[in-house]
Amino acid sequence: MNDTKNRTTHTTVSRKQELFLRYFTMTLIDLTVLNLVAEYWDRISISSFWISLLIAITLQILLKMTIFFEHYVAEYFNSNASLKMKILRVLSAWAILFFSKLIILEVLQFIFSDAIVFTGAYHGLIAFIVLVAAILFAEFLLVRFYKSLA
């Protein structure tokens, strides 16, 4: 009998490797969702696959920066357990998460100008928010599936 089938090998994954795999996977998720939405919804137009890859990388960086900043601000409000601080934490989180979408949209428009076009209500803001929500939902599903494998 082949003994290699019964052996389990354990490899150690470094923190750098773990981060690389996490962000690489999430960027691929962003790329997939971005291209699917652009393919099947006329409110988002991207000039090429190469541009969509650059947009996915940019989105991943900007979304992670937003989440980092939101957590940083939340720590300040969590230092005091008063009702006022809890309300301010919720309001600040909402404001950061909402206004960051406006900033991200402007950054994408600045970097990629006519290579990506969001149209529709509020100069494409709704289309962009739908895209970001779809990306975050896909990332959530992937993480949930990954954790279920453990």
N, C-alpha and C. Protein backbone atom coordinates (compact mmCIF):
# COMPACT_ATOMS: atom_id res chain seq x y z
N MET A 1 0.83 -1.17 0.00
CA MET A 1 0.00 0.00 0.00
C MET A 1 0.89 1.24 0.00
N ASN A 2 0.44 2.25 -0.71
CA ASN A 2 1.21 3.48 -0.82
C ASN A 2 1.06 4.28 0.47
N ASP A 3 2.18 4.47 1.16
CA ASP A 3 2.17 5.13 2.46
C ASP A 3 1.98 6.64 2.34
N THR A 4 2.25 7.22 1.18
CA THR A 4 2.15 8.68 1.05
C THR A 4 0.71 9.17 1.09
N LYS A 5 -0.25 8.33 0.77
CA LYS A 5 -1.66 8.73 0.82
C LYS A 5 -2.13 8.92 2.26
N ASN A 6 -1.55 8.19 3.20
CA ASN A 6 -1.98 8.25 4.59
C ASN A 6 -1.26 9.32 5.39
N ARG A 7 -0.20 9.87 4.86
CA ARG A 7 0.56 10.87 5.59
C ARG A 7 -0.03 12.26 5.38
N THR A 8 -0.02 13.01 6.43
CA THR A 8 -0.44 14.41 6.34
C THR A 8 0.80 15.27 6.52
N THR A 9 0.93 16.23 5.68
CA THR A 9 2.05 17.13 5.83
C THR A 9 1.54 18.48 6.31
N HIS A 10 2.26 19.06 7.22
CA HIS A 10 1.91 20.37 7.74
C HIS A 10 3.00 21.35 7.33
N THR A 11 2.56 22.41 6.72
CA THR A 11 3.51 23.45 6.36
C THR A 11 3.15 24.72 7.11
N THR A 12 4.16 25.44 7.46
CA THR A 12 3.94 26.69 8.16
C THR A 12 3.84 27.81 7.14
N VAL A 13 2.82 28.62 7.30
CA VAL A 13 2.61 29.76 6.42
C VAL A 13 2.98 31.01 7.20
N SER A 14 3.85 31.81 6.61
CA SER A 14 4.27 33.04 7.28
C SER A 14 3.15 34.08 7.20
N ARG A 15 3.26 35.11 8.01
CA ARG A 15 2.27 36.20 8.00
C ARG A 15 2.27 36.91 6.65
N LYS A 16 3.45 37.08 6.05
CA LYS A 16 3.54 37.71 4.74
C LYS A 16 2.84 36.88 3.67
N GLN A 17 3.03 35.56 3.74
CA GLN A 17 2.36 34.67 2.79
C GLN A 17 0.85 34.71 2.98
N GLU A 18 0.42 34.72 4.22
CA GLU A 18 -1.00 34.77 4.52
C GLU A 18 -1.63 36.06 3.98
N LEU A 19 -0.96 37.19 4.21
CA LEU A 19 -1.47 38.47 3.71
C LEU A 19 -1.49 38.52 2.19
N PHE A 20 -0.43 37.98 1.58
CA PHE A 20 -0.40 37.93 0.12
C PHE A 20 -1.58 37.14 -0.41
N LEU A 21 -1.81 35.95 0.12
CA LEU A 21 -2.92 35.12 -0.35
C LEU A 21 -4.27 35.80 -0.12
N ARG A 22 -4.42 36.43 1.03
CA ARG A 22 -5.69 37.10 1.34
C ARG A 22 -5.96 38.23 0.34
N TYR A 23 -4.98 39.11 0.15
CA TYR A 23 -5.21 40.26 -0.73
C TYR A 23 -5.24 39.86 -2.20
N PHE A 24 -4.46 38.87 -2.57
CA PHE A 24 -4.50 38.37 -3.94
C PHE A 24 -5.88 37.79 -4.25
N THR A 25 -6.39 36.98 -3.34
CA THR A 25 -7.71 36.38 -3.52
C THR A 25 -8.79 37.45 -3.57
N MET A 26 -8.74 38.40 -2.66
CA MET A 26 -9.76 39.45 -2.64
C MET A 26 -9.69 40.32 -3.89
N THR A 27 -8.50 40.56 -4.39
CA THR A 27 -8.36 41.33 -5.63
C THR A 27 -8.97 40.56 -6.80
N LEU A 28 -8.77 39.25 -6.83
CA LEU A 28 -9.40 38.44 -7.88
C LEU A 28 -10.92 38.45 -7.76
N ILE A 29 -11.43 38.43 -6.53
CA ILE A 29 -12.88 38.55 -6.32
C ILE A 29 -13.36 39.89 -6.85
N ASP A 30 -12.65 40.97 -6.49
CA ASP A 30 -13.02 42.31 -6.96
C ASP A 30 -13.02 42.36 -8.48
N LEU A 31 -11.99 41.79 -9.08
CA LEU A 31 -11.87 41.78 -10.53
C LEU A 31 -13.04 41.03 -11.17
N THR A 32 -13.37 39.89 -10.62
CA THR A 32 -14.48 39.09 -11.15
C THR A 32 -15.80 39.82 -11.04
N VAL A 33 -16.09 40.35 -9.86
CA VAL A 33 -17.36 41.07 -9.66
C VAL A 33 -17.41 42.31 -10.55
N LEU A 34 -16.32 43.05 -10.59
CA LEU A 34 -16.26 44.26 -11.41
C LEU A 34 -16.57 43.95 -12.87
N ASN A 35 -15.95 42.90 -13.40
CA ASN A 35 -16.18 42.55 -14.80
C ASN A 35 -17.56 41.98 -15.04
N LEU A 36 -18.09 41.21 -14.10
CA LEU A 36 -19.45 40.69 -14.26
C LEU A 36 -20.47 41.82 -14.25
N VAL A 37 -20.32 42.76 -13.33
CA VAL A 37 -21.25 43.88 -13.27
C VAL A 37 -21.14 44.73 -14.54
N ALA A 38 -19.92 44.99 -14.97
CA ALA A 38 -19.73 45.79 -16.19
C ALA A 38 -20.29 45.07 -17.42
N GLU A 39 -20.19 43.76 -17.42
CA GLU A 39 -20.68 42.96 -18.56
C GLU A 39 -22.21 42.98 -18.66
N TYR A 40 -22.88 42.89 -17.52
CA TYR A 40 -24.33 42.70 -17.54
C TYR A 40 -25.14 43.91 -17.10
N TRP A 41 -24.50 45.03 -16.79
CA TRP A 41 -25.24 46.22 -16.38
C TRP A 41 -24.69 47.42 -17.13
N ASP A 42 -25.54 48.11 -17.82
CA ASP A 42 -25.09 49.22 -18.67
C ASP A 42 -24.73 50.49 -17.90
N ARG A 43 -24.85 50.49 -16.60
CA ARG A 43 -24.51 51.67 -15.79
C ARG A 43 -23.00 51.77 -15.51
N ILE A 44 -22.27 50.68 -15.79
CA ILE A 44 -20.82 50.67 -15.57
C ILE A 44 -20.15 50.22 -16.86
N SER A 45 -19.19 51.01 -17.30
CA SER A 45 -18.47 50.70 -18.53
C SER A 45 -16.97 50.80 -18.26
N ILE A 46 -16.25 49.76 -18.67
CA ILE A 46 -14.79 49.71 -18.49
C ILE A 46 -14.17 49.47 -19.86
N SER A 47 -13.11 50.21 -20.16
CA SER A 47 -12.54 50.16 -21.50
C SER A 47 -11.81 48.87 -21.83
N SER A 48 -11.20 48.20 -20.83
CA SER A 48 -10.46 46.97 -21.13
C SER A 48 -10.28 46.13 -19.85
N PHE A 49 -9.89 44.89 -20.08
CA PHE A 49 -9.62 44.01 -18.95
C PHE A 49 -8.45 44.52 -18.12
N TRP A 50 -7.42 45.01 -18.79
CA TRP A 50 -6.24 45.53 -18.09
C TRP A 50 -6.64 46.66 -17.15
N ILE A 51 -7.49 47.56 -17.62
CA ILE A 51 -7.97 48.66 -16.78
C ILE A 51 -8.77 48.11 -15.61
N SER A 52 -9.59 47.09 -15.84
CA SER A 52 -10.38 46.52 -14.75
C SER A 52 -9.49 45.88 -13.69
N LEU A 53 -8.36 45.30 -14.12
CA LEU A 53 -7.42 44.74 -13.15
C LEU A 53 -6.81 45.85 -12.30
N LEU A 54 -6.40 46.94 -12.93
CA LEU A 54 -5.86 48.07 -12.18
C LEU A 54 -6.90 48.69 -11.24
N ILE A 55 -8.14 48.74 -11.70
CA ILE A 55 -9.23 49.26 -10.86
C ILE A 55 -9.46 48.34 -9.67
N ALA A 56 -9.43 47.03 -9.89
CA ALA A 56 -9.62 46.06 -8.79
C ALA A 56 -8.53 46.22 -7.74
N ILE A 57 -7.31 46.39 -8.17
CA ILE A 57 -6.20 46.58 -7.23
C ILE A 57 -6.38 47.89 -6.46
N THR A 58 -6.73 48.94 -7.17
CA THR A 58 -6.96 50.25 -6.54
C THR A 58 -8.11 50.18 -5.55
N LEU A 59 -9.20 49.54 -5.96
CA LEU A 59 -10.35 49.38 -5.06
C LEU A 59 -9.97 48.62 -3.80
N GLN A 60 -9.22 47.55 -3.95
CA GLN A 60 -8.82 46.74 -2.80
C GLN A 60 -8.01 47.59 -1.82
N ILE A 61 -7.08 48.35 -2.33
CA ILE A 61 -6.26 49.21 -1.46
C ILE A 61 -7.11 50.26 -0.77
N LEU A 62 -7.96 50.94 -1.53
CA LEU A 62 -8.77 52.01 -0.95
C LEU A 62 -9.81 51.50 0.04
N LEU A 63 -10.42 50.35 -0.25
CA LEU A 63 -11.40 49.79 0.68
C LEU A 63 -10.73 49.34 1.97
N LYS A 64 -9.56 48.76 1.87
CA LYS A 64 -8.85 48.33 3.09
C LYS A 64 -8.40 49.53 3.90
N MET A 65 -7.99 50.61 3.23
CA MET A 65 -7.62 51.82 3.95
C MET A 65 -8.83 52.40 4.68
N THR A 66 -9.98 52.35 4.04
CA THR A 66 -11.21 52.85 4.66
C THR A 66 -11.56 52.05 5.90
N ILE A 67 -11.48 50.73 5.80
CA ILE A 67 -11.81 49.87 6.94
C ILE A 67 -10.81 50.09 8.07
N PHE A 68 -9.53 50.24 7.72
CA PHE A 68 -8.51 50.51 8.74
C PHE A 68 -8.82 51.82 9.46
N PHE A 69 -9.15 52.86 8.71
CA PHE A 69 -9.45 54.17 9.29
C PHE A 69 -10.71 54.10 10.16
N GLU A 70 -11.72 53.38 9.69
CA GLU A 70 -12.96 53.24 10.46
C GLU A 70 -12.69 52.54 11.78
N HIS A 71 -11.87 51.49 11.77
CA HIS A 71 -11.52 50.78 13.01
C HIS A 71 -10.68 51.67 13.94
N TYR A 72 -9.81 52.47 13.36
CA TYR A 72 -8.98 53.39 14.15
C TYR A 72 -9.87 54.39 14.89
N VAL A 73 -10.83 54.97 14.21
CA VAL A 73 -11.75 55.93 14.82
C VAL A 73 -12.64 55.22 15.85
N ALA A 74 -13.07 54.00 15.54
CA ALA A 74 -13.92 53.25 16.46
C ALA A 74 -13.20 52.98 17.78
N GLU A 75 -11.91 52.70 17.72
CA GLU A 75 -11.14 52.47 18.96
C GLU A 75 -11.19 53.68 19.87
N TYR A 76 -11.14 54.86 19.30
CA TYR A 76 -11.22 56.08 20.10
C TYR A 76 -12.56 56.15 20.84
N PHE A 77 -13.65 55.88 20.13
CA PHE A 77 -14.97 55.96 20.75
C PHE A 77 -15.24 54.79 21.69
N ASN A 78 -14.59 53.66 21.47
CA ASN A 78 -14.76 52.50 22.35
C ASN A 78 -14.02 52.66 23.67
N SER A 79 -13.14 53.64 23.76
CA SER A 79 -12.38 53.84 24.99
C SER A 79 -13.27 54.29 26.14
N ASN A 80 -14.41 54.86 25.81
CA ASN A 80 -15.37 55.31 26.82
C ASN A 80 -16.70 54.64 26.52
N ALA A 81 -17.29 53.98 27.51
CA ALA A 81 -18.50 53.17 27.28
C ALA A 81 -19.80 53.96 27.46
N SER A 82 -19.74 55.27 27.45
CA SER A 82 -20.96 56.05 27.65
C SER A 82 -21.87 55.96 26.42
N LEU A 83 -23.13 56.27 26.62
CA LEU A 83 -24.11 56.23 25.54
C LEU A 83 -23.74 57.23 24.44
N LYS A 84 -23.28 58.40 24.86
CA LYS A 84 -22.87 59.42 23.89
C LYS A 84 -21.77 58.90 22.98
N MET A 85 -20.79 58.24 23.56
CA MET A 85 -19.68 57.71 22.77
C MET A 85 -20.14 56.59 21.84
N LYS A 86 -21.08 55.76 22.29
CA LYS A 86 -21.60 54.69 21.43
C LYS A 86 -22.33 55.28 20.23
N ILE A 87 -23.11 56.34 20.47
CA ILE A 87 -23.83 56.99 19.38
C ILE A 87 -22.84 57.64 18.42
N LEU A 88 -21.84 58.31 18.97
CA LEU A 88 -20.83 58.93 18.12
C LEU A 88 -20.05 57.90 17.32
N ARG A 89 -19.81 56.73 17.89
CA ARG A 89 -19.11 55.67 17.17
C ARG A 89 -19.92 55.22 15.96
N VAL A 90 -21.22 55.00 16.17
CA VAL A 90 -22.09 54.56 15.07
C VAL A 90 -22.16 55.64 13.99
N LEU A 91 -22.34 56.88 14.40
CA LEU A 91 -22.42 57.98 13.43
C LEU A 91 -21.10 58.17 12.68
N SER A 92 -19.99 58.06 13.39
CA SER A 92 -18.70 58.23 12.72
C SER A 92 -18.44 57.07 11.75
N ALA A 93 -18.81 55.87 12.14
CA ALA A 93 -18.62 54.72 11.25
C ALA A 93 -19.46 54.91 9.98
N TRP A 94 -20.71 55.31 10.14
CA TRP A 94 -21.57 55.53 8.98
C TRP A 94 -20.98 56.62 8.09
N ALA A 95 -20.56 57.73 8.69
CA ALA A 95 -20.02 58.84 7.92
C ALA A 95 -18.76 58.43 7.16
N ILE A 96 -17.87 57.73 7.85
CA ILE A 96 -16.63 57.29 7.19
C ILE A 96 -16.93 56.34 6.04
N LEU A 97 -17.78 55.36 6.30
CA LEU A 97 -18.08 54.38 5.26
C LEU A 97 -18.84 54.99 4.09
N PHE A 98 -19.72 55.96 4.35
CA PHE A 98 -20.46 56.60 3.27
C PHE A 98 -19.58 57.56 2.48
N PHE A 99 -18.95 58.49 3.17
CA PHE A 99 -18.17 59.51 2.48
C PHE A 99 -16.92 58.93 1.82
N SER A 100 -16.43 57.82 2.33
CA SER A 100 -15.28 57.18 1.68
C SER A 100 -15.64 56.72 0.28
N LYS A 101 -16.90 56.33 0.07
CA LYS A 101 -17.34 55.91 -1.27
C LYS A 101 -17.26 57.08 -2.24
N LEU A 102 -17.63 58.28 -1.77
CA LEU A 102 -17.51 59.47 -2.63
C LEU A 102 -16.05 59.73 -2.98
N ILE A 103 -15.18 59.59 -1.99
CA ILE A 103 -13.75 59.83 -2.21
C ILE A 103 -13.19 58.77 -3.16
N ILE A 104 -13.54 57.51 -2.93
CA ILE A 104 -13.04 56.42 -3.79
C ILE A 104 -13.52 56.63 -5.22
N LEU A 105 -14.77 57.01 -5.39
CA LEU A 105 -15.31 57.26 -6.73
C LEU A 105 -14.51 58.36 -7.42
N GLU A 106 -14.22 59.43 -6.70
CA GLU A 106 -13.44 60.53 -7.28
C GLU A 106 -12.00 60.10 -7.59
N VAL A 107 -11.42 59.29 -6.73
CA VAL A 107 -10.05 58.79 -6.99
C VAL A 107 -10.04 57.95 -8.26
N LEU A 108 -11.02 57.06 -8.40
CA LEU A 108 -11.09 56.23 -9.61
C LEU A 108 -11.28 57.10 -10.85
N GLN A 109 -12.14 58.10 -10.75
CA GLN A 109 -12.35 59.00 -11.89
C GLN A 109 -11.08 59.79 -12.22
N PHE A 110 -10.35 60.18 -11.19
CA PHE A 110 -9.11 60.94 -11.40
C PHE A 110 -8.03 60.07 -12.04
N ILE A 111 -7.85 58.86 -11.51
CA ILE A 111 -6.79 57.98 -12.02
C ILE A 111 -7.12 57.43 -13.40
N PHE A 112 -8.35 56.97 -13.57
CA PHE A 112 -8.70 56.25 -14.81
C PHE A 112 -9.54 57.08 -15.77
N SER A 113 -9.90 58.27 -15.42
CA SER A 113 -10.72 59.22 -16.19
C SER A 113 -11.79 58.52 -17.04
N ASP A 114 -11.64 58.49 -18.35
CA ASP A 114 -12.69 57.93 -19.21
C ASP A 114 -12.61 56.41 -19.38
N ALA A 115 -11.62 55.77 -18.78
CA ALA A 115 -11.48 54.32 -18.92
C ALA A 115 -12.55 53.57 -18.13
N ILE A 116 -13.12 54.23 -17.11
CA ILE A 116 -14.25 53.65 -16.38
C ILE A 116 -15.30 54.73 -16.25
N VAL A 117 -16.54 54.35 -16.56
CA VAL A 117 -17.64 55.31 -16.53
C VAL A 117 -18.78 54.72 -15.71
N PHE A 118 -19.21 55.48 -14.73
CA PHE A 118 -20.39 55.14 -13.94
C PHE A 118 -21.49 56.10 -14.36
N THR A 119 -22.65 55.58 -14.73
CA THR A 119 -23.75 56.43 -15.16
C THR A 119 -24.97 56.16 -14.28
N GLY A 120 -25.97 56.98 -14.46
CA GLY A 120 -27.21 56.79 -13.71
C GLY A 120 -27.39 57.87 -12.67
N ALA A 121 -28.22 57.57 -11.69
CA ALA A 121 -28.60 58.54 -10.66
C ALA A 121 -27.39 59.09 -9.93
N TYR A 122 -27.46 60.38 -9.66
CA TYR A 122 -26.41 61.10 -8.92
C TYR A 122 -25.03 60.94 -9.57
N HIS A 123 -25.00 61.07 -10.88
CA HIS A 123 -23.76 61.02 -11.66
C HIS A 123 -23.01 59.70 -11.46
N GLY A 124 -23.73 58.61 -11.35
CA GLY A 124 -23.12 57.29 -11.24
C GLY A 124 -22.82 56.84 -9.83
N LEU A 125 -23.14 57.66 -8.83
CA LEU A 125 -22.85 57.29 -7.45
C LEU A 125 -23.60 56.02 -7.03
N ILE A 126 -24.86 55.92 -7.43
CA ILE A 126 -25.65 54.73 -7.07
C ILE A 126 -25.05 53.48 -7.71
N ALA A 127 -24.65 53.59 -8.97
CA ALA A 127 -24.03 52.44 -9.65
C ALA A 127 -22.74 52.04 -8.93
N PHE A 128 -21.96 53.03 -8.51
CA PHE A 128 -20.72 52.73 -7.80
C PHE A 128 -21.00 52.07 -6.46
N ILE A 129 -21.97 52.58 -5.72
CA ILE A 129 -22.32 51.99 -4.41
C ILE A 129 -22.81 50.56 -4.59
N VAL A 130 -23.60 50.31 -5.63
CA VAL A 130 -24.06 48.94 -5.91
C VAL A 130 -22.87 48.04 -6.21
N LEU A 131 -21.91 48.54 -6.99
CA LEU A 131 -20.71 47.76 -7.30
C LEU A 131 -19.93 47.43 -6.03
N VAL A 132 -19.70 48.42 -5.18
CA VAL A 132 -18.95 48.19 -3.93
C VAL A 132 -19.71 47.21 -3.03
N ALA A 133 -21.02 47.36 -2.94
CA ALA A 133 -21.82 46.42 -2.13
C ALA A 133 -21.71 45.00 -2.68
N ALA A 134 -21.74 44.85 -3.98
CA ALA A 134 -21.60 43.52 -4.59
C ALA A 134 -20.22 42.93 -4.31
N ILE A 135 -19.20 43.76 -4.39
CA ILE A 135 -17.83 43.29 -4.10
C ILE A 135 -17.72 42.85 -2.64
N LEU A 136 -18.21 43.69 -1.72
CA LEU A 136 -18.12 43.34 -0.30
C LEU A 136 -18.94 42.10 0.02
N PHE A 137 -20.08 41.94 -0.62
CA PHE A 137 -20.90 40.75 -0.40
C PHE A 137 -20.18 39.50 -0.92
N ALA A 138 -19.56 39.60 -2.08
CA ALA A 138 -18.81 38.45 -2.63
C ALA A 138 -17.63 38.10 -1.73
N GLU A 139 -16.93 39.11 -1.22
CA GLU A 139 -15.82 38.85 -0.30
C GLU A 139 -16.32 38.19 0.98
N PHE A 140 -17.46 38.66 1.49
CA PHE A 140 -18.06 38.07 2.69
C PHE A 140 -18.38 36.60 2.46
N LEU A 141 -19.01 36.29 1.31
CA LEU A 141 -19.35 34.90 1.01
C LEU A 141 -18.11 34.02 0.90
N LEU A 142 -17.06 34.55 0.28
CA LEU A 142 -15.83 33.78 0.14
C LEU A 142 -15.21 33.49 1.51
N VAL A 143 -15.14 34.50 2.35
CA VAL A 143 -14.56 34.32 3.69
C VAL A 143 -15.40 33.32 4.49
N ARG A 144 -16.71 33.43 4.38
CA ARG A 144 -17.60 32.50 5.10
C ARG A 144 -17.38 31.06 4.61
N PHE A 145 -17.28 30.88 3.30
CA PHE A 145 -17.03 29.56 2.76
C PHE A 145 -15.67 29.03 3.21
N TYR A 146 -14.65 29.87 3.18
CA TYR A 146 -13.30 29.47 3.61
C TYR A 146 -13.31 29.01 5.06
N LYS A 147 -13.99 29.76 5.93
CA LYS A 147 -14.04 29.38 7.34
C LYS A 147 -14.84 28.10 7.56
N SER A 148 -15.81 27.83 6.70
CA SER A 148 -16.60 26.60 6.84
C SER A 148 -15.78 25.35 6.51
N LEU A 149 -14.67 25.53 5.80
CA LEU A 149 -13.83 24.39 5.44
C LEU A 149 -12.98 23.89 6.60
N ALA A 150 -12.86 24.70 7.64
CA ALA A 150 -12.01 24.33 8.78
C ALA A 150 -12.60 23.22 9.61
